[in-house]
């Protein structure tokens, strides 16, 4: 079975989250994207401490699709430097992990 990944990114609002989520699922780069509004982020950017409300996206994909997914996020993301962090899913319900692999197959027409 192909390695499943959980990819994290944040965007500024739900509209940006929806656009990105739909594009990733439509292109079969992600099987599912959860949008979690109401996240407060504190970070340093260009020598200033920033605090912003954001929407976190939890993106389920596979290692084989990660490169294309990363490029799509970079192309579609509204931030100059988007957070894109991929974590391997070590254990999960086998049927769900199989579903992720099936929904992100490259050989299915988009």
Protein backbone atom coordinates (compact mmCIF):
# COMPACT_ATOMS: atom_id res chain seq x y z
CA UNK A 1 0.00 0.00 0.00
CA UNK A 2 1.26 3.48 -0.85
CA UNK A 3 2.32 5.73 2.04
CA UNK A 4 -0.54 8.03 3.06
CA UNK A 5 0.29 11.60 4.10
CA UNK A 6 -1.43 14.32 6.08
CA UNK A 7 -0.45 17.71 4.63
CA UNK A 8 -1.06 20.91 6.59
CA UNK A 9 -1.41 24.45 5.34
CA UNK A 10 -3.13 27.64 6.54
CA UNK A 11 -4.96 30.32 4.57
CA UNK A 12 -6.46 33.64 5.59
CA UNK A 13 -10.17 32.91 5.07
CA UNK A 14 -12.81 30.31 4.18
CA UNK A 15 -13.11 31.48 0.59
CA UNK A 16 -9.38 30.80 0.00
CA UNK A 17 -9.73 27.49 1.84
CA UNK A 18 -12.67 26.39 -0.34
CA UNK A 19 -10.92 27.33 -3.58
CA UNK A 20 -7.78 25.42 -2.63
CA UNK A 21 -9.66 22.39 -1.22
CA UNK A 22 -11.88 22.02 -4.29
CA UNK A 23 -8.95 22.36 -6.70
CA UNK A 24 -6.92 19.68 -4.89
CA UNK A 25 -9.79 17.19 -4.74
CA UNK A 26 -10.92 17.90 -8.34
CA UNK A 27 -7.36 17.26 -9.59
CA UNK A 28 -7.18 14.04 -7.51
CA UNK A 29 -4.20 15.41 -5.61
CA UNK A 30 -6.13 14.94 -2.37
CA UNK A 31 -8.79 12.45 -1.36
CA UNK A 32 -10.19 14.79 1.28
CA UNK A 33 -9.51 18.25 2.70
CA UNK A 34 -10.83 19.32 6.10
CA UNK A 35 -11.17 23.08 6.64
CA UNK A 36 -10.79 24.17 10.26
CA UNK A 37 -11.76 27.85 10.72
CA UNK A 38 -11.02 29.91 13.79
CA UNK A 39 -7.32 29.15 14.15
CA UNK A 40 -5.22 31.94 15.67
CA UNK A 41 -1.62 31.97 14.48
CA UNK A 42 1.26 33.89 16.03
CA UNK A 43 4.44 34.05 13.97
CA UNK A 44 7.43 36.20 13.08
CA UNK A 45 7.41 37.62 9.55
CA UNK A 46 9.92 40.18 8.27
CA UNK A 47 11.14 41.00 11.79
CA UNK A 48 7.65 41.64 13.17
CA UNK A 49 5.47 39.49 15.40
CA UNK A 50 2.13 38.91 13.67
CA UNK A 51 -1.13 37.45 14.96
CA UNK A 52 -3.84 36.49 12.47
CA UNK A 53 -7.01 34.44 12.24
CA UNK A 54 -6.54 31.63 9.74
CA UNK A 55 -8.19 28.50 8.39
CA UNK A 56 -6.15 25.29 8.71
CA UNK A 57 -6.44 22.73 5.94
CA UNK A 58 -5.86 19.03 6.69
CA UNK A 59 -5.13 17.44 3.33
CA UNK A 60 -5.10 13.66 2.87
CA UNK A 61 -2.95 12.39 -0.01
CA UNK A 62 -0.20 9.90 -0.81
CA UNK A 63 3.56 10.18 -1.06
CA UNK A 64 3.33 9.57 -4.80
CA UNK A 65 1.08 12.60 -5.27
CA UNK A 66 2.93 14.91 -2.88
CA UNK A 67 5.11 16.64 -5.49
CA UNK A 68 2.14 17.59 -7.67
CA UNK A 69 0.11 18.58 -4.60
CA UNK A 70 2.90 20.81 -3.31
CA UNK A 71 3.17 22.54 -6.69
CA UNK A 72 -0.59 23.08 -6.87
CA UNK A 73 -0.66 24.55 -3.36
CA UNK A 74 2.23 26.86 -4.25
CA UNK A 75 0.47 27.96 -7.45
CA UNK A 76 -2.95 28.53 -5.84
CA UNK A 77 -2.03 29.70 -2.34
CA UNK A 78 -2.56 33.39 -1.60
CA UNK A 79 0.50 33.68 0.68
CA UNK A 80 3.97 34.59 -0.52
CA UNK A 81 5.46 31.74 1.53
CA UNK A 82 2.79 29.14 2.33
CA UNK A 83 3.17 26.65 5.13
CA UNK A 84 3.24 23.20 3.55
CA UNK A 85 4.07 20.41 6.00
CA UNK A 86 3.62 16.72 5.18
CA UNK A 87 3.38 14.11 7.91
CA UNK A 88 3.36 10.37 7.20
CA UNK A 89 0.28 8.54 8.43
CA UNK A 90 1.85 5.59 10.23
CA UNK A 91 -1.30 3.77 11.23
CA UNK A 92 -4.94 4.12 10.28
CA UNK A 93 -8.05 2.21 9.34
CA UNK A 94 -6.87 0.10 6.37
CA UNK A 95 -10.04 0.73 4.37
CA UNK A 96 -9.69 4.50 4.81
CA UNK A 97 -6.01 4.43 3.79
CA UNK A 98 -6.94 2.35 0.72
CA UNK A 99 -9.60 4.95 -0.11
CA UNK A 100 -6.99 7.74 0.01
CA UNK A 101 -4.80 5.76 -2.40
CA UNK A 102 -7.70 5.05 -4.77
CA UNK A 103 -8.96 8.65 -4.85
CA UNK A 104 -5.51 10.07 -5.63
CA UNK A 105 -4.49 7.62 -8.37
CA UNK A 106 -2.78 9.30 -11.31
CA UNK A 107 -4.29 6.95 -13.89
CA UNK A 108 -7.87 8.13 -13.32
CA UNK A 109 -9.01 10.89 -15.67
CA UNK A 110 -9.56 14.22 -13.96
